[in-house]
């Protein structure tokens, strides 16, 4: 899921928004600062990462803490309760990755032909 070559739009796993599941996996090990999240999520622009974190926070899955000038993000108990089902979805997506990519490519070609 964190592979630079991985087209995240292929992943059927979406929590909050396009990047939510990846952010949650990054927070699985404990609280992280924004800059620490940017390392594994280098494909996500700072603006979009901020929006995604706000969406997860709004949904009650992530909490934002401010201590002086340091801001950290952590999973809430609700967010933690989603880790096991999320791991199962990720394992399923990995097992069926080739089928998902093939279906997405066929669907893209089909849609392109329909609109031409």
N, C-alpha and C. Protein backbone atom coordinates (compact mmCIF):
# COMPACT_ATOMS: atom_id res chain seq x y z
N UNK A 1 0.81 -1.20 0.00
CA UNK A 1 0.00 0.00 0.00
C UNK A 1 0.86 1.27 0.00
N UNK A 2 2.05 1.20 0.55
CA UNK A 2 2.90 2.39 0.63
C UNK A 2 3.90 2.48 -0.52
N UNK A 3 3.83 1.55 -1.46
CA UNK A 3 4.74 1.53 -2.59
C UNK A 3 4.52 2.78 -3.44
N UNK A 4 5.61 3.43 -3.80
CA UNK A 4 5.54 4.65 -4.62
C UNK A 4 4.83 4.39 -5.95
N UNK A 5 4.94 3.17 -6.46
CA UNK A 5 4.34 2.86 -7.76
C UNK A 5 2.89 2.43 -7.64
N UNK A 6 2.40 2.30 -6.44
CA UNK A 6 1.04 1.83 -6.22
C UNK A 6 0.04 2.94 -6.54
N UNK A 7 -0.84 2.71 -7.49
CA UNK A 7 -1.87 3.71 -7.76
C UNK A 7 -2.97 3.60 -6.70
N UNK A 8 -2.96 4.47 -5.73
CA UNK A 8 -3.87 4.35 -4.60
C UNK A 8 -5.33 4.31 -5.00
N UNK A 9 -5.65 4.84 -6.16
CA UNK A 9 -7.04 4.84 -6.58
C UNK A 9 -7.54 3.44 -6.90
N UNK A 10 -6.62 2.47 -7.05
CA UNK A 10 -7.02 1.10 -7.31
C UNK A 10 -7.52 0.45 -6.03
N UNK A 11 -7.00 0.86 -4.90
CA UNK A 11 -7.36 0.22 -3.64
C UNK A 11 -8.85 0.37 -3.34
N UNK A 12 -9.52 -0.73 -3.05
CA UNK A 12 -10.94 -0.66 -2.72
C UNK A 12 -11.16 -0.24 -1.27
N UNK A 13 -10.08 -0.08 -0.53
CA UNK A 13 -10.18 0.25 0.89
C UNK A 13 -10.18 1.77 1.05
N UNK A 14 -11.30 2.30 1.44
CA UNK A 14 -11.39 3.75 1.66
C UNK A 14 -12.05 3.99 3.02
N UNK A 15 -11.35 4.72 3.85
CA UNK A 15 -11.87 5.11 5.15
C UNK A 15 -11.75 6.62 5.21
N UNK A 16 -12.85 7.29 5.38
CA UNK A 16 -12.82 8.74 5.42
C UNK A 16 -12.73 9.33 4.02
N UNK A 17 -11.61 9.12 3.37
CA UNK A 17 -11.41 9.59 2.00
C UNK A 17 -10.33 8.73 1.36
N UNK A 18 -9.83 9.15 0.24
CA UNK A 18 -8.87 8.36 -0.54
C UNK A 18 -7.66 7.90 0.28
N UNK A 19 -7.16 8.74 1.17
CA UNK A 19 -5.94 8.44 1.90
C UNK A 19 -6.18 7.98 3.32
N UNK A 20 -7.40 7.94 3.79
CA UNK A 20 -7.72 7.65 5.18
C UNK A 20 -7.15 6.34 5.69
N UNK A 21 -7.29 5.27 4.92
CA UNK A 21 -6.80 3.96 5.37
C UNK A 21 -5.29 3.98 5.55
N UNK A 22 -4.58 4.62 4.62
CA UNK A 22 -3.13 4.70 4.75
C UNK A 22 -2.71 5.51 5.97
N UNK A 23 -3.41 6.60 6.21
CA UNK A 23 -3.10 7.42 7.39
C UNK A 23 -3.32 6.61 8.65
N UNK A 24 -4.42 5.89 8.71
CA UNK A 24 -4.70 5.08 9.89
C UNK A 24 -3.62 4.02 10.10
N UNK A 25 -3.16 3.40 9.01
CA UNK A 25 -2.08 2.41 9.14
C UNK A 25 -0.81 3.07 9.66
N UNK A 26 -0.55 4.31 9.26
CA UNK A 26 0.62 5.05 9.74
C UNK A 26 0.51 5.36 11.24
N UNK A 27 -0.69 5.54 11.71
CA UNK A 27 -0.91 5.88 13.13
C UNK A 27 -1.08 4.65 14.01
N UNK A 28 -1.05 3.48 13.40
CA UNK A 28 -1.25 2.23 14.13
C UNK A 28 -0.25 2.05 15.28
N UNK A 29 0.99 2.49 15.06
CA UNK A 29 2.03 2.33 16.06
C UNK A 29 2.04 3.38 17.15
N UNK A 30 1.18 4.36 17.06
CA UNK A 30 1.12 5.41 18.07
C UNK A 30 1.07 6.78 17.44
N UNK A 31 0.99 7.80 18.28
CA UNK A 31 0.88 9.19 17.79
C UNK A 31 2.07 9.59 16.92
N UNK A 32 1.79 10.43 15.94
CA UNK A 32 2.83 10.94 15.05
C UNK A 32 2.58 12.41 14.76
N UNK A 33 3.68 13.12 14.57
CA UNK A 33 3.58 14.51 14.13
C UNK A 33 3.31 14.53 12.63
N UNK A 34 2.82 15.66 12.15
CA UNK A 34 2.50 15.82 10.74
C UNK A 34 3.71 15.47 9.87
N UNK A 35 4.87 16.00 10.23
CA UNK A 35 6.08 15.74 9.44
C UNK A 35 6.45 14.27 9.43
N UNK A 36 6.14 13.55 10.50
CA UNK A 36 6.40 12.11 10.55
C UNK A 36 5.45 11.35 9.63
N UNK A 37 4.24 11.86 9.46
CA UNK A 37 3.29 11.23 8.55
C UNK A 37 3.68 11.46 7.09
N UNK A 38 4.33 12.59 6.84
CA UNK A 38 4.70 12.92 5.46
C UNK A 38 5.74 11.96 4.88
N UNK A 39 6.53 11.30 5.73
CA UNK A 39 7.57 10.40 5.21
C UNK A 39 6.95 9.21 4.49
N UNK A 40 6.12 8.39 5.16
CA UNK A 40 5.54 7.26 4.42
C UNK A 40 4.45 7.68 3.43
N UNK A 41 3.91 8.88 3.60
CA UNK A 41 2.84 9.36 2.73
C UNK A 41 3.35 10.45 1.79
N UNK A 42 4.54 10.25 1.27
CA UNK A 42 5.19 11.28 0.45
C UNK A 42 4.41 11.63 -0.82
N UNK A 43 3.54 10.74 -1.27
CA UNK A 43 2.74 11.01 -2.48
C UNK A 43 1.59 11.97 -2.20
N UNK A 44 1.29 12.20 -0.94
CA UNK A 44 0.17 13.05 -0.55
C UNK A 44 0.70 14.46 -0.30
N UNK A 45 0.08 15.44 -0.94
CA UNK A 45 0.51 16.82 -0.71
C UNK A 45 0.14 17.23 0.71
N UNK A 46 0.88 18.19 1.28
CA UNK A 46 0.55 18.65 2.63
C UNK A 46 -0.90 19.12 2.76
N UNK A 47 -1.41 19.80 1.74
CA UNK A 47 -2.79 20.29 1.78
C UNK A 47 -3.78 19.12 1.86
N UNK A 48 -3.57 18.10 1.03
CA UNK A 48 -4.48 16.95 1.02
C UNK A 48 -4.33 16.13 2.30
N UNK A 49 -3.11 16.00 2.81
CA UNK A 49 -2.90 15.29 4.07
C UNK A 49 -3.65 15.99 5.20
N UNK A 50 -3.58 17.31 5.23
CA UNK A 50 -4.32 18.09 6.23
C UNK A 50 -5.82 17.84 6.10
N UNK A 51 -6.34 17.89 4.87
CA UNK A 51 -7.77 17.65 4.65
C UNK A 51 -8.17 16.25 5.09
N UNK A 52 -7.34 15.26 4.77
CA UNK A 52 -7.64 13.88 5.14
C UNK A 52 -7.63 13.70 6.65
N UNK A 53 -6.66 14.29 7.32
CA UNK A 53 -6.61 14.21 8.78
C UNK A 53 -7.85 14.87 9.40
N UNK A 54 -8.27 15.98 8.83
CA UNK A 54 -9.48 16.66 9.34
C UNK A 54 -10.73 15.79 9.14
N UNK A 55 -10.79 15.10 8.01
CA UNK A 55 -11.92 14.20 7.75
C UNK A 55 -11.93 13.06 8.76
N UNK A 56 -10.77 12.46 9.01
CA UNK A 56 -10.68 11.38 9.99
C UNK A 56 -11.00 11.88 11.40
N UNK A 57 -10.57 13.10 11.68
CA UNK A 57 -10.88 13.71 12.99
C UNK A 57 -12.39 13.95 13.10
N UNK A 58 -12.99 14.49 12.07
CA UNK A 58 -14.44 14.73 12.05
C UNK A 58 -15.22 13.44 12.25
N UNK A 59 -14.72 12.35 11.67
CA UNK A 59 -15.39 11.05 11.77
C UNK A 59 -15.12 10.35 13.09
N UNK A 60 -14.30 10.96 13.95
CA UNK A 60 -14.02 10.39 15.27
C UNK A 60 -12.97 9.29 15.27
N UNK A 61 -12.21 9.16 14.19
CA UNK A 61 -11.22 8.10 14.08
C UNK A 61 -9.82 8.54 14.51
N UNK A 62 -9.56 9.84 14.40
CA UNK A 62 -8.25 10.40 14.74
C UNK A 62 -8.46 11.61 15.64
N UNK A 63 -7.54 11.79 16.59
CA UNK A 63 -7.59 12.99 17.42
C UNK A 63 -6.31 13.79 17.22
N UNK A 64 -6.47 15.08 17.28
CA UNK A 64 -5.36 16.03 17.11
C UNK A 64 -5.07 16.62 18.46
N UNK A 65 -3.80 16.58 18.86
CA UNK A 65 -3.40 17.14 20.16
C UNK A 65 -2.35 18.22 19.93
N UNK A 66 -2.49 19.31 20.67
CA UNK A 66 -1.53 20.40 20.57
C UNK A 66 -0.87 20.57 21.94
N UNK A 67 0.47 20.49 21.94
CA UNK A 67 1.25 20.70 23.16
C UNK A 67 2.29 21.76 22.83
N UNK A 68 1.97 22.98 23.21
CA UNK A 68 2.84 24.09 22.84
C UNK A 68 2.76 24.31 21.35
N UNK A 69 3.88 24.12 20.67
CA UNK A 69 3.91 24.30 19.22
C UNK A 69 3.89 22.97 18.48
N UNK A 70 3.85 21.87 19.23
CA UNK A 70 3.87 20.55 18.61
C UNK A 70 2.46 19.98 18.49
N UNK A 71 2.11 19.58 17.27
CA UNK A 71 0.82 18.98 16.99
C UNK A 71 1.04 17.50 16.67
N UNK A 72 0.28 16.64 17.33
CA UNK A 72 0.38 15.22 17.04
C UNK A 72 -1.00 14.68 16.71
N UNK A 73 -0.99 13.59 15.96
CA UNK A 73 -2.21 12.91 15.57
C UNK A 73 -2.15 11.48 16.10
N UNK A 74 -3.27 10.99 16.58
CA UNK A 74 -3.34 9.63 17.11
C UNK A 74 -4.71 9.05 16.81
N UNK A 75 -4.76 7.74 16.77
CA UNK A 75 -6.05 7.08 16.60
C UNK A 75 -6.85 7.17 17.89
N UNK A 76 -8.13 7.37 17.77
CA UNK A 76 -9.02 7.32 18.92
C UNK A 76 -9.35 5.85 19.19
N UNK A 77 -10.09 5.59 20.25
CA UNK A 77 -10.49 4.20 20.51
C UNK A 77 -11.37 3.69 19.37
N UNK A 78 -12.20 4.57 18.81
CA UNK A 78 -13.01 4.18 17.66
C UNK A 78 -12.11 3.84 16.47
N UNK A 79 -11.10 4.66 16.22
CA UNK A 79 -10.15 4.40 15.15
C UNK A 79 -9.41 3.09 15.36
N UNK A 80 -8.98 2.84 16.60
CA UNK A 80 -8.27 1.59 16.91
C UNK A 80 -9.18 0.38 16.67
N UNK A 81 -10.49 0.54 16.94
CA UNK A 81 -11.41 -0.58 16.73
C UNK A 81 -11.55 -0.93 15.26
N UNK A 82 -11.14 -0.03 14.38
CA UNK A 82 -11.22 -0.27 12.94
C UNK A 82 -9.96 -0.94 12.39
N UNK A 83 -8.89 -1.02 13.18
CA UNK A 83 -7.62 -1.57 12.68
C UNK A 83 -7.73 -3.03 12.26
N UNK A 84 -8.40 -3.85 13.04
CA UNK A 84 -8.51 -5.27 12.67
C UNK A 84 -9.29 -5.45 11.37
N UNK A 85 -10.49 -4.86 11.24
CA UNK A 85 -11.18 -4.98 9.94
C UNK A 85 -10.38 -4.37 8.80
N UNK A 86 -9.68 -3.28 9.06
CA UNK A 86 -8.85 -2.64 8.03
C UNK A 86 -7.72 -3.58 7.60
N UNK A 87 -7.10 -4.26 8.56
CA UNK A 87 -6.03 -5.22 8.23
C UNK A 87 -6.58 -6.35 7.36
N UNK A 88 -7.78 -6.80 7.68
CA UNK A 88 -8.41 -7.86 6.88
C UNK A 88 -8.69 -7.36 5.46
N UNK A 89 -9.17 -6.14 5.32
CA UNK A 89 -9.42 -5.56 3.99
C UNK A 89 -8.13 -5.39 3.20
N UNK A 90 -7.09 -4.97 3.89
CA UNK A 90 -5.79 -4.79 3.23
C UNK A 90 -5.25 -6.14 2.75
N UNK A 91 -5.39 -7.17 3.58
CA UNK A 91 -4.93 -8.51 3.19
C UNK A 91 -5.73 -9.01 1.99
N UNK A 92 -7.03 -8.76 2.01
CA UNK A 92 -7.89 -9.16 0.88
C UNK A 92 -7.45 -8.42 -0.39
N UNK A 93 -7.21 -7.11 -0.28
CA UNK A 93 -6.80 -6.31 -1.44
C UNK A 93 -5.46 -6.81 -1.99
N UNK A 94 -4.55 -7.16 -1.09
CA UNK A 94 -3.25 -7.67 -1.53
C UNK A 94 -3.41 -9.00 -2.26
N UNK A 95 -4.26 -9.85 -1.73
CA UNK A 95 -4.50 -11.16 -2.34
C UNK A 95 -5.13 -11.04 -3.73
N UNK A 96 -5.96 -10.04 -3.92
CA UNK A 96 -6.70 -9.88 -5.17
C UNK A 96 -6.20 -8.69 -6.00
N UNK A 97 -4.99 -8.23 -5.70
CA UNK A 97 -4.46 -7.02 -6.32
C UNK A 97 -4.51 -7.08 -7.84
N UNK A 98 -4.00 -8.17 -8.43
CA UNK A 98 -3.98 -8.27 -9.90
C UNK A 98 -5.38 -8.19 -10.49
N UNK A 99 -6.33 -8.85 -9.85
CA UNK A 99 -7.72 -8.81 -10.33
C UNK A 99 -8.29 -7.40 -10.24
N UNK A 100 -7.97 -6.69 -9.16
CA UNK A 100 -8.45 -5.32 -8.99
C UNK A 100 -7.87 -4.40 -10.05
N UNK A 101 -6.57 -4.54 -10.31
CA UNK A 101 -5.92 -3.71 -11.33
C UNK A 101 -6.50 -4.01 -12.70
N UNK A 102 -6.66 -5.30 -13.01
CA UNK A 102 -7.24 -5.67 -14.31
C UNK A 102 -8.65 -5.10 -14.48
N UNK A 103 -9.46 -5.23 -13.45
CA UNK A 103 -10.84 -4.71 -13.52
C UNK A 103 -10.84 -3.20 -13.70
N UNK A 104 -9.96 -2.52 -12.97
CA UNK A 104 -9.90 -1.06 -13.07
C UNK A 104 -9.48 -0.64 -14.47
N UNK A 105 -8.48 -1.35 -15.04
CA UNK A 105 -8.02 -1.02 -16.38
C UNK A 105 -9.10 -1.30 -17.43
N UNK A 106 -9.80 -2.40 -17.29
CA UNK A 106 -10.90 -2.72 -18.23
C UNK A 106 -12.01 -1.69 -18.11
N UNK A 107 -12.32 -1.29 -16.90
CA UNK A 107 -13.36 -0.29 -16.69
C UNK A 107 -12.98 1.06 -17.26
N UNK A 108 -11.72 1.42 -17.15
CA UNK A 108 -11.25 2.70 -17.70
C UNK A 108 -11.33 2.68 -19.22
N UNK A 109 -10.90 1.57 -19.83
CA UNK A 109 -10.97 1.46 -21.29
C UNK A 109 -12.43 1.49 -21.74
N UNK A 110 -13.28 0.75 -21.05
CA UNK A 110 -14.71 0.70 -21.39
C UNK A 110 -15.34 2.08 -21.30
N UNK A 111 -15.04 2.81 -20.23
CA UNK A 111 -15.60 4.17 -20.08
C UNK A 111 -15.08 5.11 -21.15
N UNK A 112 -13.81 4.98 -21.50
CA UNK A 112 -13.23 5.85 -22.52
C UNK A 112 -13.92 5.61 -23.87
N UNK A 113 -14.18 4.35 -24.18
CA UNK A 113 -14.85 4.04 -25.45
C UNK A 113 -16.29 4.57 -25.44
N UNK A 114 -16.94 4.47 -24.31
CA UNK A 114 -18.33 4.92 -24.22
C UNK A 114 -18.45 6.42 -24.40
N UNK A 115 -17.42 7.17 -23.97
CA UNK A 115 -17.48 8.63 -24.05
C UNK A 115 -16.84 9.17 -25.33
N UNK A 116 -16.34 8.31 -26.22
CA UNK A 116 -15.73 8.83 -27.45
C UNK A 116 -16.72 8.87 -28.59
